[in-house]
Amino acid sequence: MNKPTTIHEDQDSFFYNLRFMLIVCVLAGNALEPVITRFAGAETLFLWIYTFHMPLFVWVTGYFARHSLQGTSGRNVLKQIALQYLLFQSLYAIMDFTIFHTPHMRLSFFAPYLLLWFLASHFCWRLLLRLTLSWKPIYRLLGAVLLGVCAGYLPIDGFWLSFSRTFVFLPFFVIGYDYGASIRSRLRSGWGRKISATLSAALLGWIGLGGLSIAPGWLLGSMTYAELGHHEWFAGIYRLGIYALEIGSGALFLAWVPSLTSRLTDLGRRTLYVFLLHGFLVRLAIWSGVYNDMETSLYIPVIVSIALMFAITLAHPAVRHAFRPLIEPDISRFHFNRQGVLKRSASWFR
C-alpha cells in the first residue's frame, strides 16, 4: 500500500501534467486563431480545444488554490496576481504602441489585454471564494452557476475588467477547489480510460463534420447574450448547454493525461512563464507576416508543433531564472492599504 504522501504527490503530478498539456492547448489555440477563417481544419481544432481547455485550466487553478487561499499565503498570492496584471498590461500596451503602432492605442487597466483576462478573473475568483467559505460546497457551486448564467443578461460590455469570463468560468474554479481531489480519485485506468480517450477524439471528428455549429463567443465566455445576438429571456439555457458540453469534453480529455511523475510534471510547474510570455511571441509572429505565407491547411500541424516547441522552451528552468524577477517579483515589498490600494513599502527605495 502506498503511503498517503505518495498518493498526494501522484495526485499533484496528475494536475501538473494536465496543466502543461493545457498550456500547450492555450498556445496552440492562440497560434491557430489567425488562420481559422481560412482553413476548416484549423477552425475544427480551435473549437475542439476551446470546448475543454479553459474550463479545465480554471479547474486546475481552483485545485491548487486550496493551499493558498487564506491567511498570509492567500494575501501574498493576491498581491502577486495584482502586480503581474499591472506589469504585463503595461508591457503589452508598450509593445503595441512602439512596435505594432496600433491605432488609437491607450493604456487601460479596465480592459485586460488578450490573455491577461485570466489574471483579472483569477484575482476575482479568489476573492469570491474567500467570501463564500462559510457556505457548503454544493451551495457555493449552485451560486457560481447562477452567477455564470445571470451575468449574460447584464447590459454591459462583457470585456470590461473581464467581467463576463469571471462569472462564466467561476463554476469551474469552485469545482476545482471543492471537488478537484475527489474527482481525480475517481478517475480509473483500463477500458474506461481508453473509451473516454476515443470519445474525445470522436468529438474532434464530429466538430470537423459540422456537428458543433455555434459562435466561438459561447466558448470564449467573453460576451453577453446580447453581444452574441440572443435577446431571448431564456438565453441562459444556452449557457447551461455550453456548461454541459464543456464538462463532458473536459472529462473525456482527462483520459489523455498521464498520472506518473515525469519530465511533463516538471514542465507543468512553470506554466505561468509560458502563459505570460507566449503572447509576445504570437503577436510578433502575426506582425511579421508569416501567416500570410500559409496557403494550405498543411501548415496546421506545423503551427501546432511550433506551439509545443515554444511551450517547452518557455517552461525551461533557464527562462524562469531569467524572468523570475519580472514574473514572480518579491511581493514582500508591497502591501495593500486600508482602502485596498496596492502600495510599495519604503524598503523598495533603499
Protein backbone atom coordinates (compact mmCIF):
# COMPACT_ATOMS: atom_id res chain seq x y z
CA MET A 1 0.00 0.00 0.00
CA ASN A 2 1.27 3.44 -0.89
CA LYS A 3 1.85 5.97 1.82
CA PRO A 4 -0.56 8.94 1.95
CA THR A 5 2.22 11.33 0.98
CA THR A 6 2.98 9.28 -2.12
CA ILE A 7 -0.69 9.31 -3.11
CA HIS A 8 -0.79 13.07 -2.63
CA GLU A 9 2.34 13.52 -4.74
CA ASP A 10 0.91 11.32 -7.51
CA GLN A 11 -2.31 13.29 -7.44
CA ASP A 12 -0.43 16.57 -7.76
CA SER A 13 1.66 15.06 -10.57
CA PHE A 14 -1.54 14.41 -12.50
CA PHE A 15 -2.57 18.05 -12.13
CA TYR A 16 0.88 19.34 -13.12
CA ASN A 17 0.85 17.06 -16.18
CA LEU A 18 -2.61 18.31 -17.07
CA ARG A 19 -1.57 21.91 -16.56
CA PHE A 20 1.26 21.67 -19.07
CA MET A 21 -0.91 19.90 -21.62
CA LEU A 22 -3.47 22.67 -21.23
CA ILE A 23 -0.92 25.48 -21.61
CA VAL A 24 0.15 23.83 -24.88
CA CYS A 25 -3.52 23.96 -25.91
CA VAL A 26 -3.66 27.64 -24.91
CA LEU A 27 -0.63 28.44 -27.03
CA ALA A 28 -1.85 26.30 -29.94
CA GLY A 29 -5.29 27.89 -29.83
CA ASN A 30 -3.86 31.41 -29.89
CA ALA A 31 -1.44 30.47 -32.67
CA LEU A 32 -4.24 28.93 -34.77
CA GLU A 33 -6.67 31.82 -34.35
CA PRO A 34 -5.25 33.93 -37.23
CA VAL A 35 -6.00 31.14 -39.74
CA ILE A 36 -9.31 29.68 -38.52
CA THR A 37 -11.26 31.66 -41.13
CA ARG A 38 -9.02 30.34 -43.91
CA PHE A 39 -8.70 26.64 -43.12
CA ALA A 40 -11.60 24.47 -41.95
CA GLY A 41 -9.20 22.13 -40.20
CA ALA A 42 -7.80 24.99 -38.13
CA GLU A 43 -11.30 26.05 -37.09
CA THR A 44 -12.16 22.46 -36.15
CA LEU A 45 -9.10 22.07 -33.96
CA PHE A 46 -9.63 25.54 -32.48
CA LEU A 47 -13.25 24.81 -31.49
CA TRP A 48 -12.33 21.39 -30.08
CA ILE A 49 -9.60 22.91 -27.92
CA TYR A 50 -11.96 25.59 -26.65
CA THR A 51 -14.57 23.04 -25.56
CA PHE A 52 -12.30 21.95 -22.73
CA HIS A 53 -9.02 23.84 -22.30
CA MET A 54 -10.14 26.96 -20.42
CA PRO A 55 -12.69 25.17 -18.20
CA LEU A 56 -10.03 22.62 -17.26
CA PHE A 57 -7.37 25.30 -16.79
CA VAL A 58 -9.66 27.15 -14.38
CA TRP A 59 -10.46 23.84 -12.68
CA VAL A 60 -6.74 23.10 -12.15
CA THR A 61 -6.23 26.66 -10.86
CA GLY A 62 -9.03 26.15 -8.35
CA TYR A 63 -7.48 22.86 -7.22
CA PHE A 64 -4.10 24.45 -6.48
CA ALA A 65 -5.80 27.39 -4.73
CA ARG A 66 -6.68 25.03 -1.85
CA HIS A 67 -3.21 25.52 -0.38
CA SER A 68 -3.06 29.32 -0.68
CA LEU A 69 -6.50 30.86 -0.36
CA GLN A 70 -6.47 32.22 3.17
CA GLY A 71 -4.01 33.74 5.60
CA THR A 72 -0.68 35.26 4.69
CA SER A 73 -0.16 32.97 1.70
CA GLY A 74 -3.56 33.93 0.32
CA ARG A 75 -2.83 37.64 0.63
CA ASN A 76 0.58 37.18 -0.98
CA VAL A 77 -0.95 35.40 -3.97
CA LEU A 78 -3.42 38.25 -4.44
CA LYS A 79 -0.57 40.76 -4.33
CA GLN A 80 1.40 38.78 -6.89
CA ILE A 81 -1.55 38.47 -9.26
CA ALA A 82 -2.20 42.21 -8.99
CA LEU A 83 1.44 43.03 -9.71
CA GLN A 84 1.58 40.63 -12.66
CA TYR A 85 -1.54 42.17 -14.12
CA LEU A 86 -0.38 45.77 -13.74
CA LEU A 87 3.08 44.98 -15.10
CA PHE A 88 2.12 42.88 -18.11
CA GLN A 89 -0.84 45.07 -19.01
CA SER A 90 1.67 47.90 -19.26
CA LEU A 91 4.26 45.84 -21.17
CA TYR A 92 1.78 44.61 -23.76
CA ALA A 93 0.46 48.16 -24.23
CA ILE A 94 4.01 49.47 -24.72
CA MET A 95 4.67 46.74 -27.30
CA ASP A 96 1.52 47.69 -29.21
CA PHE A 97 2.46 51.37 -29.11
CA THR A 98 6.16 51.09 -30.01
CA ILE A 99 6.38 48.03 -32.28
CA PHE A 100 2.96 47.47 -33.80
CA HIS A 101 1.85 51.12 -33.83
CA THR A 102 -1.69 50.06 -33.04
CA PRO A 103 -4.06 52.94 -33.94
CA HIS A 104 -5.89 54.68 -31.08
CA MET A 105 -3.77 52.77 -28.58
CA ARG A 106 -4.24 53.75 -24.94
CA LEU A 107 -3.36 52.03 -21.72
CA SER A 108 -6.37 50.98 -19.65
CA PHE A 109 -6.32 48.68 -16.65
CA PHE A 110 -10.08 48.14 -17.01
CA ALA A 111 -9.81 46.26 -20.31
CA PRO A 112 -7.46 43.27 -19.89
CA TYR A 113 -5.11 42.79 -22.83
CA LEU A 114 -5.86 39.50 -24.61
CA LEU A 115 -4.74 36.64 -22.35
CA LEU A 116 -4.44 38.87 -19.25
CA TRP A 117 -8.15 38.44 -18.61
CA PHE A 118 -7.16 35.28 -16.76
CA LEU A 119 -5.17 37.25 -14.18
CA ALA A 120 -8.03 39.68 -13.57
CA SER A 121 -10.51 36.82 -13.27
CA HIS A 122 -8.20 34.74 -11.06
CA PHE A 123 -7.95 37.66 -8.65
CA CYS A 124 -11.75 37.90 -8.53
CA TRP A 125 -12.28 34.13 -8.21
CA ARG A 126 -10.13 34.06 -5.12
CA LEU A 127 -11.96 36.99 -3.55
CA LEU A 128 -15.37 35.47 -4.30
CA LEU A 129 -14.32 32.12 -2.86
CA ARG A 130 -12.99 33.75 0.29
CA LEU A 131 -16.36 35.46 0.73
CA THR A 132 -18.24 32.16 0.50
CA LEU A 133 -16.01 29.84 2.52
CA SER A 134 -18.70 29.56 5.21
CA TRP A 135 -21.11 28.09 2.65
CA LYS A 136 -21.50 24.40 1.99
CA PRO A 137 -19.66 23.39 -1.21
CA ILE A 138 -22.89 22.47 -3.03
CA TYR A 139 -24.40 25.90 -2.30
CA ARG A 140 -21.18 27.57 -3.42
CA LEU A 141 -21.33 25.64 -6.72
CA LEU A 142 -25.02 26.41 -7.29
CA GLY A 143 -24.37 30.08 -6.57
CA ALA A 144 -21.46 30.10 -9.04
CA VAL A 145 -23.58 28.51 -11.78
CA LEU A 146 -26.37 31.02 -11.12
CA LEU A 147 -23.91 33.92 -11.41
CA GLY A 148 -22.47 32.45 -14.61
CA VAL A 149 -25.91 32.22 -16.18
CA CYS A 150 -27.19 35.60 -14.93
CA ALA A 151 -24.05 37.50 -15.96
CA GLY A 152 -25.01 37.06 -19.60
CA TYR A 153 -28.16 39.13 -19.13
CA LEU A 154 -26.48 42.25 -17.79
CA PRO A 155 -26.42 45.26 -20.16
CA ILE A 156 -22.67 45.81 -20.01
CA ASP A 157 -19.62 45.15 -22.14
CA GLY A 158 -18.52 41.63 -21.28
CA PHE A 159 -14.86 42.57 -21.84
CA TRP A 160 -14.83 45.26 -19.12
CA LEU A 161 -12.48 44.00 -16.40
CA SER A 162 -13.08 40.50 -17.79
CA PHE A 163 -16.50 40.70 -16.12
CA SER A 164 -18.18 38.07 -18.29
CA ARG A 165 -15.40 35.48 -18.15
CA THR A 166 -15.01 35.92 -14.41
CA PHE A 167 -18.55 34.73 -13.75
CA VAL A 168 -18.87 32.34 -16.69
CA PHE A 169 -15.83 30.30 -15.58
CA LEU A 170 -16.38 30.72 -11.82
CA PRO A 171 -18.16 27.33 -11.50
CA PHE A 172 -15.05 25.53 -12.76
CA PHE A 173 -12.85 27.31 -10.21
CA VAL A 174 -15.27 26.27 -7.46
CA ILE A 175 -15.37 22.68 -8.72
CA GLY A 176 -11.56 22.57 -8.74
CA TYR A 177 -11.33 23.97 -5.23
CA ASP A 178 -14.05 21.86 -3.62
CA TYR A 179 -14.12 18.72 -5.73
CA GLY A 180 -10.84 18.57 -7.68
CA ALA A 181 -9.22 15.98 -5.43
CA SER A 182 -12.30 13.75 -5.22
CA ILE A 183 -12.84 13.87 -8.99
CA ARG A 184 -9.20 12.90 -9.55
CA SER A 185 -9.52 9.95 -7.15
CA ARG A 186 -12.43 8.58 -9.17
CA LEU A 187 -10.58 8.55 -12.48
CA ARG A 188 -9.77 4.99 -13.46
CA SER A 189 -7.42 3.37 -15.95
CA GLY A 190 -8.21 0.46 -18.19
CA TRP A 191 -11.05 0.23 -20.70
CA GLY A 192 -12.90 3.20 -19.28
CA ARG A 193 -9.89 5.41 -19.92
CA LYS A 194 -9.44 4.08 -23.47
CA ILE A 195 -13.11 4.60 -24.28
CA SER A 196 -13.01 8.17 -22.94
CA ALA A 197 -9.91 8.99 -25.00
CA THR A 198 -11.59 7.54 -28.09
CA LEU A 199 -14.71 9.63 -27.46
CA SER A 200 -12.57 12.74 -27.03
CA ALA A 201 -11.04 12.11 -30.45
CA ALA A 202 -14.51 11.35 -31.82
CA LEU A 203 -15.70 14.76 -30.60
CA LEU A 204 -12.94 16.34 -32.68
CA GLY A 205 -14.17 14.41 -35.71
CA TRP A 206 -17.80 15.37 -35.01
CA ILE A 207 -16.86 19.04 -34.87
CA GLY A 208 -14.96 18.62 -38.14
CA LEU A 209 -18.14 17.27 -39.77
CA GLY A 210 -20.02 20.40 -38.74
CA GLY A 211 -21.69 18.96 -35.68
CA LEU A 212 -20.94 21.99 -33.49
CA SER A 213 -22.49 24.98 -35.21
CA ILE A 214 -22.17 27.64 -32.52
CA ALA A 215 -20.45 31.01 -32.39
CA PRO A 216 -16.97 30.74 -30.81
CA GLY A 217 -18.03 33.52 -28.43
CA TRP A 218 -20.05 30.98 -26.46
CA LEU A 219 -16.89 29.01 -25.71
CA LEU A 220 -14.73 32.09 -25.09
CA GLY A 221 -17.12 33.26 -22.36
CA SER A 222 -16.27 36.90 -23.05
CA MET A 223 -19.60 38.12 -24.39
CA THR A 224 -23.07 38.72 -23.02
CA TYR A 225 -26.12 37.10 -24.60
CA ALA A 226 -26.99 40.36 -26.36
CA GLU A 227 -23.47 40.59 -27.81
CA LEU A 228 -23.92 37.02 -29.06
CA GLY A 229 -27.14 38.02 -30.80
CA HIS A 230 -29.55 36.42 -28.32
CA HIS A 231 -32.08 38.70 -26.67
CA GLU A 232 -34.48 35.94 -25.61
CA TRP A 233 -35.45 35.73 -21.96
CA PHE A 234 -34.42 32.06 -22.00
CA ALA A 235 -30.90 32.71 -23.39
CA GLY A 236 -29.45 31.45 -20.10
CA ILE A 237 -30.50 27.93 -21.06
CA TYR A 238 -27.91 28.07 -23.83
CA ARG A 239 -25.25 28.80 -21.22
CA LEU A 240 -26.28 25.68 -19.30
CA GLY A 241 -25.95 23.71 -22.53
CA ILE A 242 -22.44 25.09 -23.05
CA TYR A 243 -21.57 24.11 -19.48
CA ALA A 244 -22.72 20.55 -20.22
CA LEU A 245 -20.60 20.46 -23.39
CA GLU A 246 -17.51 21.79 -21.58
CA ILE A 247 -17.89 19.39 -18.65
CA GLY A 248 -18.34 16.44 -20.99
CA SER A 249 -15.44 17.39 -23.26
CA GLY A 250 -13.21 18.17 -20.27
CA ALA A 251 -13.99 14.84 -18.60
CA LEU A 252 -13.14 12.98 -21.80
CA PHE A 253 -9.87 14.88 -22.27
CA LEU A 254 -8.70 13.85 -18.80
CA ALA A 255 -8.26 10.34 -20.19
CA TRP A 256 -5.25 11.60 -22.16
CA VAL A 257 -3.46 12.86 -19.03
CA PRO A 258 -0.74 10.61 -17.52
CA SER A 259 -0.56 10.22 -13.75
CA LEU A 260 3.10 9.35 -13.30
CA THR A 261 5.72 11.90 -12.30
CA SER A 262 7.88 12.67 -15.32
CA ARG A 263 9.52 15.43 -17.33
CA LEU A 264 5.99 16.57 -18.15
CA THR A 265 5.34 17.12 -14.44
CA ASP A 266 8.40 19.34 -14.12
CA LEU A 267 7.29 21.44 -17.09
CA GLY A 268 3.86 21.76 -15.52
CA ARG A 269 5.34 23.55 -12.53
CA ARG A 270 6.38 26.51 -14.71
CA THR A 271 3.33 27.09 -16.89
CA LEU A 272 2.98 30.65 -15.54
CA TYR A 273 6.03 31.63 -17.61
CA VAL A 274 4.55 30.09 -20.75
CA PHE A 275 1.25 31.83 -20.13
CA LEU A 276 2.59 35.33 -19.56
CA LEU A 277 5.36 35.30 -22.18
CA HIS A 278 3.82 33.46 -25.13
CA GLY A 279 1.60 36.41 -26.04
CA PHE A 280 4.66 38.38 -27.11
CA LEU A 281 5.71 35.56 -29.45
CA VAL A 282 2.26 35.17 -31.00
CA ARG A 283 1.88 38.93 -31.52
CA LEU A 284 5.34 39.12 -33.11
CA ALA A 285 4.52 36.19 -35.40
CA ILE A 286 1.34 37.90 -36.59
CA TRP A 287 3.18 41.22 -37.06
CA SER A 288 5.97 39.54 -39.05
CA GLY A 289 3.51 38.50 -41.74
CA VAL A 290 4.45 34.82 -41.55
CA TYR A 291 0.78 33.85 -41.57
CA ASN A 292 0.35 35.49 -44.96
CA ASP A 293 2.61 32.84 -46.49
CA MET A 294 0.47 29.96 -45.23
CA GLU A 295 -1.64 28.94 -48.20
CA THR A 296 -2.74 25.39 -47.33
CA SER A 297 -4.05 23.51 -44.31
CA LEU A 298 -0.77 21.54 -44.29
CA TYR A 299 0.59 24.34 -42.12
CA ILE A 300 -1.78 23.41 -39.27
CA PRO A 301 0.47 20.63 -37.84
CA VAL A 302 3.43 22.97 -38.31
CA ILE A 303 1.72 25.65 -36.21
CA VAL A 304 0.83 23.13 -33.51
CA SER A 305 4.37 21.72 -33.47
CA ILE A 306 5.89 25.19 -33.13
CA ALA A 307 3.41 25.97 -30.34
CA LEU A 308 4.56 22.84 -28.50
CA MET A 309 8.22 23.79 -29.03
CA PHE A 310 7.60 27.30 -27.67
CA ALA A 311 5.75 25.89 -24.65
CA ILE A 312 8.63 23.57 -23.79
CA THR A 313 11.16 26.37 -24.28
CA LEU A 314 9.29 28.92 -22.15
CA ALA A 315 8.87 26.31 -19.38
CA HIS A 316 12.63 25.69 -19.26
CA PRO A 317 14.35 26.43 -15.92
CA ALA A 318 16.68 28.90 -17.68
CA VAL A 319 13.68 31.01 -18.71
CA ARG A 320 12.41 31.01 -15.14
CA HIS A 321 15.83 32.06 -13.88
CA ALA A 322 15.97 34.93 -16.36
CA PHE A 323 12.41 36.23 -15.94
CA ARG A 324 11.65 35.37 -12.32
CA PRO A 325 12.18 38.97 -11.03
CA LEU A 326 9.62 40.09 -13.61
CA ILE A 327 7.04 37.31 -13.30
CA GLU A 328 7.46 36.36 -9.63
CA PRO A 329 8.54 39.65 -8.01
CA ASP A 330 9.35 39.91 -4.34
CA ILE A 331 5.86 40.72 -3.04
CA SER A 332 7.20 41.43 0.47
CA ARG A 333 7.96 44.94 -0.83
CA PHE A 334 4.29 45.60 -1.47
CA HIS A 335 1.20 45.87 0.71
CA PHE A 336 -2.45 46.82 0.48
CA ASN A 337 -3.52 49.88 2.43
CA ARG A 338 -6.86 50.14 4.22
CA GLN A 339 -8.56 51.26 1.04
CA GLY A 340 -7.32 48.13 -0.78
CA VAL A 341 -4.83 50.02 -2.96
CA LEU A 342 -1.54 48.30 -3.74
CA LYS A 343 1.43 50.27 -2.37
CA ARG A 344 5.20 49.84 -2.35
CA SER A 345 6.90 49.74 1.02
CA ALA A 346 9.67 52.19 1.89
CA SER A 347 12.27 49.42 1.61
CA TRP A 348 11.67 49.41 -2.18
CA PHE A 349 13.61 52.66 -2.49
CA ARG A 350 16.57 51.57 -0.39
